[in-house]
Protein backbone atom coordinates (compact mmCIF):
# COMPACT_ATOMS: atom_id res chain seq x y z
CA MET A 1 -129.18 21.94 -159.01
CA ILE A 2 -132.63 20.74 -158.05
CA MET A 3 -132.84 17.02 -157.62
CA ARG A 4 -135.29 14.80 -155.86
CA GLY A 5 -136.50 16.02 -152.61
CA GLN A 6 -135.37 19.61 -153.26
CA TRP A 7 -137.82 22.15 -154.43
CA PRO A 8 -139.02 25.61 -153.37
CA LYS A 9 -142.38 26.18 -151.77
CA PRO A 10 -145.00 27.31 -154.18
CA LEU A 11 -145.52 30.99 -154.69
CA THR A 12 -148.75 32.60 -155.56
CA LYS A 13 -150.60 30.23 -157.81
CA CYS A 14 -152.61 32.56 -160.08
CA ARG A 15 -151.12 35.45 -162.00
CA SER A 16 -153.54 38.19 -162.86
CA ARG A 17 -152.89 41.25 -165.05
CA LYS A 18 -155.61 42.98 -163.20
CA SER A 19 -157.27 42.48 -159.93
CA GLU A 20 -160.14 40.01 -159.97
CA ALA A 21 -161.92 42.05 -157.39
CA ALA A 22 -163.46 44.14 -160.14
CA SER A 23 -165.87 41.24 -160.86
CA PRO A 24 -168.15 40.10 -157.93
CA ILE A 25 -167.45 36.64 -156.61
CA GLY A 26 -170.59 34.53 -155.86
CA ALA A 27 -173.06 36.93 -157.63
CA ALA A 28 -176.38 35.41 -158.25
CA PRO A 29 -176.65 33.61 -161.67
CA ASN A 30 -179.31 36.13 -162.93
CA ALA A 31 -177.79 39.22 -161.42
CA THR A 32 -178.11 42.29 -163.62
CA LEU A 33 -174.74 43.21 -165.15
CA ARG A 34 -173.83 46.29 -167.16
CA PRO A 35 -174.02 45.32 -170.88
CA LEU A 36 -170.69 45.62 -172.64
CA ASP A 37 -170.17 47.44 -175.96
CA LEU A 38 -169.11 44.66 -178.29
CA ALA A 39 -168.69 47.03 -181.21
CA GLY A 40 -166.45 49.20 -179.14
CA LEU A 41 -164.35 46.16 -178.04
CA ARG A 42 -163.99 45.22 -181.61
CA ARG A 43 -162.91 48.67 -182.66
CA GLY A 44 -160.30 48.57 -179.80
CA LEU A 45 -159.05 45.26 -181.10
CA ALA A 46 -158.78 46.63 -184.69
CA ARG A 47 -156.72 49.68 -183.63
CA GLN A 48 -153.76 47.47 -182.56
CA ARG A 49 -152.37 50.12 -180.28
CA ILE A 50 -149.76 48.57 -178.09
CA ASN A 51 -150.77 50.63 -175.04
CA HIS A 52 -154.41 49.44 -175.39
CA GLN A 53 -153.70 45.83 -176.06
CA MET A 54 -152.43 42.88 -174.20
CA GLN A 55 -151.02 39.86 -175.98
CA VAL A 56 -151.00 36.33 -174.71
CA GLU A 57 -149.36 33.41 -176.55
CA LEU A 58 -151.05 29.96 -176.59
CA ASN A 59 -149.07 26.79 -177.21
CA TYR A 60 -150.09 25.84 -180.69
CA GLY A 61 -148.53 23.18 -183.01
CA ARG A 62 -144.74 23.59 -182.96
CA GLY A 63 -145.03 27.24 -182.05
CA LYS A 64 -147.22 29.89 -180.45
CA LEU A 65 -150.61 31.35 -181.33
CA PRO A 66 -150.60 35.04 -180.37
CA ILE A 67 -153.87 36.35 -179.00
CA GLN A 68 -154.43 40.16 -178.68
CA LEU A 69 -157.18 41.27 -176.46
CA PRO A 70 -158.41 44.83 -175.60
CA ASP A 71 -156.98 46.37 -172.42
CA ASP A 72 -160.40 46.92 -170.86
CA LEU A 73 -161.00 43.18 -170.33
CA GLN A 74 -160.02 41.69 -166.97
CA VAL A 75 -157.61 38.97 -168.15
CA THR A 76 -156.25 36.39 -165.66
CA VAL A 77 -153.33 34.36 -167.11
CA LEU A 78 -153.04 30.99 -165.32
CA ARG A 79 -149.69 29.38 -165.73
CA LYS A 80 -147.00 27.66 -163.73
CA GLN A 81 -144.68 29.61 -161.49
CA PRO A 82 -141.23 29.72 -162.99
CA MET A 83 -139.59 26.33 -162.57
CA PRO A 84 -136.03 25.50 -161.74
CA VAL A 85 -134.05 24.42 -164.75
CA LEU A 86 -131.29 21.86 -164.26
CA PRO A 87 -128.10 23.51 -165.43
CA ASP A 88 -126.45 20.22 -166.41
CA PRO A 89 -129.09 17.68 -167.53
CA SER A 90 -126.42 14.99 -168.29
CA ALA A 91 -124.99 15.27 -164.79
CA ALA A 92 -128.44 15.25 -163.23
CA VAL A 93 -129.34 11.99 -165.13
CA ARG A 94 -126.07 10.31 -164.01
CA LYS A 95 -126.65 11.42 -160.41
CA ALA A 96 -130.18 10.10 -160.48
CA LEU A 97 -129.04 6.64 -161.63
CA GLN A 98 -126.34 6.56 -158.93
CA GLU A 99 -128.57 7.75 -156.16
CA PRO A 100 -131.99 6.06 -156.68
CA VAL A 101 -135.21 6.33 -154.65
CA GLU A 102 -135.73 3.24 -152.48
CA ALA A 103 -133.61 0.97 -154.77
CA ALA A 104 -129.97 0.06 -155.29
CA ALA A 105 -127.88 1.95 -157.88
CA LEU A 106 -128.63 0.92 -161.44
CA GLU A 107 -125.12 -0.51 -162.13
CA LYS A 108 -125.42 -2.66 -159.02
CA LEU A 109 -128.83 -3.98 -160.04
CA ALA A 110 -127.69 -4.69 -163.53
CA ARG A 111 -124.75 -6.87 -162.47
CA THR A 112 -127.24 -9.72 -161.51
CA ALA A 113 -129.52 -9.30 -164.52
CA ARG A 114 -129.35 -10.99 -167.85
CA SER A 115 -131.95 -8.88 -169.75
CA VAL A 116 -133.50 -5.46 -169.52
CA ALA A 117 -136.63 -3.98 -170.85
CA ILE A 118 -137.02 -0.16 -170.97
CA ALA A 119 -140.52 1.23 -171.63
CA ILE A 120 -140.81 4.70 -173.06
CA CYS A 121 -143.85 6.86 -173.75
CA ASP A 122 -145.09 7.25 -177.39
CA ILE A 123 -144.92 10.35 -179.54
CA THR A 124 -147.85 12.07 -177.84
CA ARG A 125 -145.67 13.05 -174.78
CA PRO A 126 -142.77 15.47 -174.98
CA VAL A 127 -140.45 13.25 -172.97
CA PRO A 128 -136.72 14.17 -173.16
CA ASN A 129 -135.66 10.69 -174.12
CA HIS A 130 -132.63 12.07 -175.78
CA LEU A 131 -131.28 13.10 -172.37
CA PHE A 132 -131.51 9.87 -170.40
CA LEU A 133 -131.76 6.87 -172.79
CA ARG A 134 -128.08 6.81 -173.84
CA PRO A 135 -126.70 7.24 -170.18
CA LEU A 136 -129.18 4.51 -169.07
CA ILE A 137 -128.17 2.09 -171.68
CA GLU A 138 -124.41 2.84 -171.25
CA THR A 139 -124.75 2.02 -167.55
CA LEU A 140 -126.27 -1.32 -168.38
CA LEU A 141 -123.55 -2.09 -170.96
CA GLN A 142 -120.80 -1.19 -168.48
CA ALA A 143 -122.41 -3.56 -165.86
CA GLY A 144 -121.97 -6.49 -168.33
CA ILE A 145 -125.40 -6.79 -170.00
CA PRO A 146 -124.96 -7.36 -173.71
CA ALA A 147 -126.65 -4.90 -176.14
CA LYS A 148 -128.68 -7.73 -177.64
CA ALA A 149 -130.24 -8.32 -174.28
CA ILE A 150 -131.52 -4.76 -173.92
CA GLY A 151 -134.78 -3.72 -175.54
CA VAL A 152 -136.60 -0.47 -175.65
CA LEU A 153 -140.41 -0.77 -175.88
CA VAL A 154 -142.56 2.14 -177.04
CA ALA A 155 -145.51 1.98 -174.71
CA THR A 156 -148.26 2.88 -177.16
CA GLY A 157 -151.21 1.45 -175.28
CA LEU A 158 -153.85 1.44 -177.94
CA HIS A 159 -152.28 4.26 -179.93
CA ARG A 160 -150.76 3.71 -183.29
CA PRO A 161 -147.09 2.57 -183.57
CA ASN A 162 -144.37 5.13 -184.02
CA LEU A 163 -142.22 4.33 -187.05
CA GLY A 164 -139.63 5.75 -189.34
CA GLU A 165 -138.91 9.48 -188.87
CA GLU A 166 -141.41 9.65 -186.10
CA LEU A 167 -139.51 6.97 -184.19
CA ASP A 168 -136.20 8.81 -184.83
CA GLU A 169 -137.74 11.97 -183.35
CA LEU A 170 -139.16 10.07 -180.33
CA ILE A 171 -135.80 8.38 -179.37
CA GLY A 172 -133.77 11.57 -180.18
CA ASP A 173 -130.51 9.80 -180.36
CA PRO A 174 -129.29 7.79 -183.35
CA TRP A 175 -126.84 5.89 -181.12
CA VAL A 176 -129.69 4.29 -179.28
CA LEU A 177 -131.31 3.17 -182.35
CA ARG A 178 -128.13 1.59 -183.58
CA LYS A 179 -127.14 -0.05 -180.35
CA VAL A 180 -130.23 -1.75 -178.99
CA ARG A 181 -133.64 -3.15 -180.24
CA VAL A 182 -136.35 -0.52 -180.28
CA GLU A 183 -139.80 -1.98 -180.87
CA ASN A 184 -143.47 -0.92 -180.51
CA HIS A 185 -146.06 -2.44 -178.30
CA TYR A 186 -149.12 -3.78 -180.05
CA ALA A 187 -152.05 -4.13 -177.68
CA THR A 188 -154.21 -6.38 -179.91
CA ARG A 189 -151.60 -9.06 -180.52
CA ASP A 190 -152.63 -11.81 -178.08
CA GLU A 191 -149.35 -13.74 -178.54
CA ASP A 192 -147.30 -10.72 -177.34
CA HIS A 193 -148.89 -10.80 -173.89
CA VAL A 194 -148.73 -12.75 -170.64
CA LEU A 195 -151.83 -13.24 -168.45
CA LEU A 196 -151.07 -12.36 -164.82
CA GLY A 197 -154.58 -12.79 -163.53
CA ASN A 198 -157.19 -10.35 -162.38
CA THR A 199 -157.11 -7.43 -159.96
CA SER A 200 -158.60 -8.16 -156.59
CA SER A 201 -160.72 -5.10 -156.08
CA ARG A 202 -162.45 -4.47 -159.46
CA GLY A 203 -161.62 -7.70 -161.39
CA THR A 204 -159.65 -6.21 -164.24
CA VAL A 205 -158.02 -8.82 -166.36
CA VAL A 206 -154.33 -8.16 -166.53
CA ARG A 207 -152.29 -9.01 -169.61
CA LEU A 208 -148.98 -7.22 -170.17
CA ASP A 209 -146.40 -7.27 -172.91
CA ARG A 210 -144.26 -10.44 -172.68
CA ARG A 211 -141.05 -8.63 -173.45
CA PHE A 212 -141.44 -6.41 -170.34
CA VAL A 213 -142.74 -9.13 -168.02
CA GLU A 214 -140.02 -11.64 -168.77
CA ALA A 215 -137.04 -9.24 -168.47
CA ASP A 216 -134.87 -9.42 -165.42
CA LEU A 217 -134.81 -5.68 -165.08
CA ARG A 218 -137.98 -3.60 -165.95
CA ILE A 219 -137.62 0.12 -166.30
CA ALA A 220 -140.54 2.40 -167.12
CA THR A 221 -139.60 5.97 -168.17
CA GLY A 222 -141.85 8.93 -168.71
CA LEU A 223 -142.95 12.45 -168.18
CA VAL A 224 -144.80 13.33 -164.98
CA GLU A 225 -147.66 15.77 -165.75
CA PRO A 226 -151.30 16.11 -164.89
CA HIS A 227 -153.57 13.54 -166.36
CA PHE A 228 -157.29 13.98 -166.66
CA MET A 229 -158.11 10.41 -165.76
CA ALA A 230 -155.24 8.95 -163.79
CA GLY A 231 -154.35 11.95 -161.78
CA TYR A 232 -150.70 12.18 -163.05
CA SER A 233 -149.01 10.52 -165.96
CA GLY A 234 -145.64 8.52 -165.75
CA GLY A 235 -144.60 5.73 -163.46
CA ARG A 236 -147.20 2.96 -163.25
CA LYS A 237 -149.17 4.42 -166.15
CA VAL A 238 -146.36 3.65 -168.63
CA ILE A 239 -146.93 -0.05 -167.80
CA ALA A 240 -150.75 0.10 -167.84
CA PRO A 241 -152.13 1.13 -170.23
CA GLY A 242 -148.83 1.60 -172.00
CA LEU A 243 -147.79 -2.03 -172.22
CA ALA A 244 -151.16 -3.61 -171.63
CA HIS A 245 -153.33 -5.79 -173.77
CA ALA A 246 -156.46 -4.28 -175.22
CA ASP A 247 -158.68 -6.35 -172.84
CA THR A 248 -156.97 -4.76 -169.88
CA ILE A 249 -157.12 -1.27 -171.24
CA THR A 250 -160.76 -1.35 -172.34
CA THR A 251 -161.72 -2.76 -168.85
CA PHE A 252 -160.20 -0.05 -166.73
CA HIS A 253 -161.09 2.61 -169.30
CA SER A 254 -164.67 1.58 -169.37
CA ALA A 255 -167.56 4.06 -168.68
CA ARG A 256 -167.82 3.01 -164.97
CA PHE A 257 -164.24 3.93 -164.40
CA MET A 258 -164.41 7.15 -166.31
CA ALA A 259 -167.80 8.15 -164.71
CA ASP A 260 -166.12 8.04 -161.24
CA PRO A 261 -165.63 11.61 -160.12
CA LYS A 262 -162.33 10.62 -158.56
CA ALA A 263 -160.89 9.66 -161.88
CA ALA A 264 -159.75 13.18 -162.38
CA ASN A 265 -156.85 15.52 -162.91
CA CYS A 266 -154.21 15.65 -160.09
CA ASN A 267 -156.08 13.15 -157.87
CA PHE A 268 -154.90 9.91 -156.61
CA GLU A 269 -157.11 9.43 -153.54
CA GLY A 270 -159.85 6.95 -154.41
CA ASN A 271 -158.97 7.21 -158.14
CA PRO A 272 -159.95 3.83 -159.57
CA LEU A 273 -157.46 4.01 -162.46
CA HIS A 274 -154.54 4.85 -160.21
CA GLU A 275 -155.61 2.04 -157.77
CA GLU A 276 -155.76 -0.49 -160.59
CA GLN A 277 -152.44 0.62 -161.98
CA LEU A 278 -150.75 0.15 -158.60
CA GLU A 279 -152.14 -3.31 -158.24
CA ILE A 280 -150.99 -4.18 -161.69
CA VAL A 281 -147.44 -3.17 -160.70
CA ARG A 282 -147.67 -5.46 -157.65
CA MET A 283 -148.97 -8.33 -159.78
CA LEU A 284 -145.98 -7.82 -162.11
CA GLY A 285 -143.58 -8.08 -159.30
CA GLY A 286 -142.46 -4.47 -159.34
CA ALA A 287 -140.36 -2.28 -161.60
CA LEU A 288 -138.03 0.62 -161.71
CA ALA A 289 -138.76 4.03 -163.16
CA ILE A 290 -137.13 7.21 -164.55
CA ASN A 291 -139.37 10.15 -163.91
CA ALA A 292 -138.84 13.49 -165.79
CA VAL A 293 -140.51 16.88 -165.31
CA VAL A 294 -140.11 19.63 -167.79
CA ASP A 295 -140.92 23.35 -167.64
CA GLU A 296 -143.06 25.42 -170.02
CA GLU A 297 -140.20 25.59 -172.46
CA ARG A 298 -139.71 21.77 -172.29
CA ARG A 299 -136.51 22.11 -170.43
CA LEU A 300 -135.58 19.52 -167.81
CA SER A 301 -136.62 20.65 -164.28
CA PHE A 302 -136.51 17.40 -162.37
CA ILE A 303 -135.39 13.84 -162.83
CA ASN A 304 -135.14 10.89 -160.53
CA PHE A 305 -134.77 7.07 -160.69
CA GLY A 306 -135.79 4.35 -158.44
CA GLU A 307 -138.52 1.90 -157.37
CA ILE A 308 -141.42 2.85 -159.50
CA VAL A 309 -144.08 3.75 -156.96
CA ALA A 310 -141.79 5.63 -154.61
CA SER A 311 -139.89 7.56 -157.24
CA HIS A 312 -143.08 8.52 -159.10
CA ALA A 313 -144.61 9.76 -155.90
CA GLU A 314 -141.57 11.95 -155.34
CA ALA A 315 -141.82 13.33 -158.93
CA VAL A 316 -145.52 14.07 -158.45
CA ALA A 317 -144.82 15.92 -155.14
CA PHE A 318 -142.34 18.08 -157.09
CA VAL A 319 -144.62 18.93 -160.10
CA ARG A 320 -147.78 19.54 -157.93
CA ASN A 321 -146.17 22.75 -156.75
CA TYR A 322 -146.28 24.13 -160.26
CA ALA A 323 -148.93 22.31 -162.35
CA GLU A 324 -151.78 22.88 -159.86
CA VAL A 325 -152.77 26.58 -159.70
CA SER A 326 -155.56 28.32 -157.83
CA ALA A 327 -158.17 30.75 -159.12
CA ARG A 328 -160.48 32.82 -156.85
CA ARG A 329 -163.52 32.71 -159.03
CA ARG A 330 -165.13 30.90 -161.95
CA PHE A 331 -165.12 32.50 -165.45
CA LYS A 332 -167.76 32.84 -168.05
CA THR A 333 -164.99 32.99 -170.64
CA VAL A 334 -161.97 30.57 -170.52
CA VAL A 335 -159.39 30.34 -173.19
CA THR A 336 -156.95 27.36 -173.32
CA SER A 337 -154.84 25.19 -175.51
CA ALA A 338 -154.05 21.58 -176.00
CA ALA A 339 -150.48 22.11 -174.99
CA GLY A 340 -149.05 22.38 -178.52
CA TYR A 341 -146.94 19.77 -180.24
CA PRO A 342 -146.96 16.85 -179.86
CA LEU A 343 -150.21 16.68 -177.81
CA ASP A 344 -152.24 18.77 -180.17
CA LYS A 345 -151.46 16.59 -183.29
CA THR A 346 -155.04 15.13 -182.91
CA TYR A 347 -158.49 16.12 -181.67
CA TYR A 348 -158.44 12.98 -179.59
CA GLN A 349 -155.60 14.51 -177.36
CA THR A 350 -157.27 17.89 -177.58
CA VAL A 351 -160.04 16.66 -175.21
CA LYS A 352 -157.43 16.81 -172.36
CA GLY A 353 -157.22 20.59 -172.86
CA MET A 354 -161.01 20.87 -172.61
CA VAL A 355 -161.26 18.91 -169.34
CA GLY A 356 -158.40 20.74 -167.58
CA PRO A 357 -160.12 23.95 -166.65
CA ILE A 358 -163.59 22.61 -165.85
CA ASP A 359 -163.29 23.56 -162.18
CA ILE A 360 -163.11 27.20 -163.10
CA LEU A 361 -165.62 27.28 -165.97
CA ALA A 362 -168.80 28.96 -164.80
CA PRO A 363 -172.10 27.15 -165.67
CA GLY A 364 -173.24 28.29 -169.05
CA GLY A 365 -169.78 29.82 -169.81
CA ARG A 366 -167.71 29.36 -172.95
CA LEU A 367 -164.62 27.34 -173.22
CA ILE A 368 -162.41 28.39 -176.13
CA VAL A 369 -159.77 25.84 -177.17
CA ALA A 370 -156.92 26.31 -179.64
CA SER A 371 -155.48 23.09 -181.04
CA GLU A 372 -153.73 22.57 -184.39
CA CYS A 373 -154.95 18.95 -184.92
CA SER A 374 -152.36 18.52 -187.68
CA GLU A 375 -153.14 14.79 -187.94
CA GLY A 376 -156.92 15.28 -187.87
CA LEU A 377 -159.29 13.62 -185.47
CA GLY A 378 -157.50 10.56 -184.32
CA SER A 379 -157.98 6.81 -184.72
CA PRO A 380 -160.78 5.33 -186.75
CA GLU A 381 -162.31 3.88 -183.40
CA PHE A 382 -162.29 7.43 -181.94
CA ILE A 383 -163.94 8.87 -185.06
CA GLU A 384 -166.71 6.14 -184.74
CA ALA A 385 -167.24 7.07 -181.11
CA GLN A 386 -167.68 10.74 -182.17
CA ARG A 387 -170.15 9.73 -184.86
CA ARG A 388 -172.24 7.96 -182.16
CA LEU A 389 -172.10 11.05 -179.97
CA ILE A 390 -173.50 13.11 -182.83
CA GLN A 391 -176.00 10.55 -183.70
CA HIS A 392 -177.45 9.84 -180.16
CA GLY A 393 -176.67 12.99 -178.23
CA PRO A 394 -174.68 13.21 -175.05
CA SER A 395 -177.23 11.71 -172.65
CA GLU A 396 -178.06 8.64 -174.80
CA PHE A 397 -174.44 8.12 -175.69
CA LEU A 398 -173.50 7.97 -172.05
CA ARG A 399 -176.52 5.69 -171.11
CA ARG A 400 -175.45 3.21 -173.70
CA ILE A 401 -171.71 3.01 -172.80
CA LEU A 402 -172.53 2.73 -169.10
CA LEU A 403 -174.16 -0.68 -169.84
CA LYS A 404 -170.92 -2.18 -171.03
CA SER A 405 -168.16 -3.80 -168.96
CA ARG A 406 -165.56 -3.06 -171.53
CA ALA A 407 -165.23 0.12 -173.57
CA ALA A 408 -164.99 0.21 -177.30
CA ILE A 409 -161.51 1.46 -178.13
CA ASP A 410 -161.04 5.11 -177.61
CA GLU A 411 -164.71 5.92 -176.69
CA TRP A 412 -163.49 6.86 -173.31
CA GLN A 413 -162.10 10.12 -174.80
CA THR A 414 -165.56 10.91 -176.11
CA GLN A 415 -166.96 10.19 -172.68
CA MET A 416 -164.48 12.62 -171.11
CA GLN A 417 -165.55 15.31 -173.65
CA LEU A 418 -169.03 15.15 -172.07
CA LYS A 419 -167.65 16.62 -168.82
CA PRO A 420 -166.98 20.19 -170.12
CA MET A 421 -169.97 19.91 -172.46
CA ALA A 422 -172.21 19.47 -169.44
CA ILE A 423 -170.96 22.78 -167.94
CA GLY A 424 -170.96 25.14 -170.85
CA THR A 425 -170.25 25.70 -174.57
CA ILE A 426 -167.05 24.56 -176.12
CA GLN A 427 -165.52 26.33 -179.09
CA LEU A 428 -162.61 25.13 -181.10
CA TYR A 429 -160.04 26.96 -183.18
CA SER A 430 -158.06 24.59 -185.42
CA THR A 431 -156.23 24.96 -188.64
CA GLY A 432 -155.86 21.23 -189.09
CA LEU A 433 -159.43 20.02 -189.38
CA ASN A 434 -161.59 20.25 -192.59
CA PRO A 435 -165.21 21.00 -192.31
CA ALA A 436 -166.31 17.40 -192.37
CA GLN A 437 -163.92 16.54 -189.58
CA HIS A 438 -165.04 19.48 -187.56
CA ILE A 439 -168.65 18.29 -187.60
CA LEU A 440 -167.56 15.12 -185.74
CA THR A 441 -166.02 17.05 -182.91
CA GLY A 442 -169.58 17.91 -181.70
CA ILE A 443 -168.47 21.34 -180.70
CA ALA A 444 -168.67 24.84 -182.30
CA ARG A 445 -166.10 25.92 -184.77
CA ILE A 446 -164.50 29.38 -184.56
CA ASP A 447 -162.18 31.21 -186.95
CA SER A 448 -160.70 33.74 -184.52
CA VAL A 449 -159.90 33.32 -180.87
CA PRO A 450 -160.00 37.00 -180.09
CA SER A 451 -163.33 37.42 -181.80
CA ALA A 452 -164.80 34.42 -179.88
CA VAL A 453 -163.57 36.02 -176.59
CA LEU A 454 -165.26 39.37 -177.40
CA GLU A 455 -168.47 37.64 -178.34
CA SER A 456 -168.42 35.56 -175.16
CA VAL A 457 -167.77 38.63 -173.06
CA ALA A 458 -170.65 40.57 -174.71
CA ALA A 459 -173.05 37.55 -174.30
CA SER A 460 -172.22 36.98 -170.66
CA GLY A 461 -171.90 40.57 -169.60
CA ASP A 462 -168.68 39.69 -167.77
CA SER A 463 -165.40 41.12 -168.78
CA ALA A 464 -163.35 38.61 -166.85
CA VAL A 465 -161.42 36.17 -168.98
CA ALA A 466 -159.14 33.35 -167.94
CA VAL A 467 -156.37 32.27 -170.22
CA ILE A 468 -154.27 28.97 -169.86
CA PRO A 469 -151.51 29.07 -172.45
CA GLU A 470 -150.11 25.72 -171.61
CA GLY A 471 -153.47 24.01 -171.63
CA PRO A 472 -153.73 20.56 -169.83
CA TYR A 473 -150.23 20.88 -168.32
CA VAL A 474 -151.69 23.48 -165.89
CA VAL A 475 -154.72 22.53 -163.89
CA PRO A 476 -156.67 25.38 -162.22
CA PHE A 477 -158.69 24.76 -159.06
CA LEU A 478 -161.28 27.04 -157.62
CA GLN A 479 -160.20 28.45 -154.33
CA LEU A 480 -162.57 31.01 -152.84
CA GLU A 481 -161.44 33.68 -150.54
CA PRO A 482 -162.07 32.71 -146.86
CA GLU A 483 -164.92 35.18 -146.35
CA LYS A 484 -166.69 33.97 -149.50
CA GLN A 485 -166.25 30.41 -148.52
CA ALA A 486 -167.77 31.09 -145.11
CA ALA A 487 -170.66 32.77 -146.70
CA LYS A 488 -171.20 29.89 -148.95
CA VAL A 489 -171.18 27.43 -146.03
CA GLU A 490 -173.65 29.60 -144.11
CA ASN A 491 -176.08 29.72 -147.04
């Protein structure tokens, strides 16, 4: 059983079907390359011969999107190394609650508490709530806390509330819904929040959900995975923005925060969002956390409980070994997903899949993204931000938002879309967007991922293709071979 503090050393980060040495690393941008026979590649695709095809499956909606590519392409599949799977998740949860990180056991902490607030992520994250919510609540009840004093808060941030069948799916256990209060956070309701002051370093106003602030025990639960702004999700992020007032969220999601190059995937050092979140936790007076990590099949791989900062750091140290992978070159053609359901329900969340591989997308290359977008574009505010992007263009859109101290709701996602747009061309395959909605994405529409790959290969003259089936849950970083790195430094 893999628990906190026990994980194997990472294996080779990048899996490749063929050697990448066939494509020169560091070649001059205008180097003459042998033109590829696009018609021949298409004929090869149409023949459907198993011995001349390779198939890769992308996470898409609630299933997989199979992609068949000709065997004469040099395809590098970037995914996590196989992760350990906890054989008995229930036992692992109980053990985590009894052996916390830098805190007393939950039952002991609960004996002196009169009320408990448990924050959970909203429907956009595949958190295994069904595995830990009931054991968590049962421990609190056994310690003498009445059910009426225990509340579960859906940390929606500025997302829409999760209600009805969606809430049932999110909780995953009818017992929890019957036993305790389960309520949504509403970021725009002033009366639901408590003013804690302003952060010392950047002056962010801090208003948090009163139900969480005033509870004797505060527990944030969540999934720990790469996050394209805050480094990694979970822990302190469940509190802010999860349970924060709109004023707080729009301040530290403003353009000046998003424009900081350190507000990036897998990075904590100097990350302004992460630093504000840590200060907000201190201003709150601390909290506890349950941190879960799942594998590519959404099976529980790691879980711990404890003081929120220390336990989250331990979970991040575990998942880094798998979520961060290395590539030895940049690619003119990159294929990725938005991680499938529930993340790819909207185009808003799809942007995370676009940002994930920017370190390995060659300048002028094509980034091909598959996302179902079953619920369309996203919030009305996000749609309005996309309209402004189309109207003003990327440069003017960015210039205007950089003048503001607070962001308009959800415009930060449009700003993040500018990052891959500045490197190359983005193409989207989606069965959930109608033509009018697709126009507002600001990117090209494609009807076939394999055809888009062949066209990109033909246009670039480079047969190397990177494929990232799990999308934003795997973040590739460029890692040149030592001799190439030395040559780069010398030049």
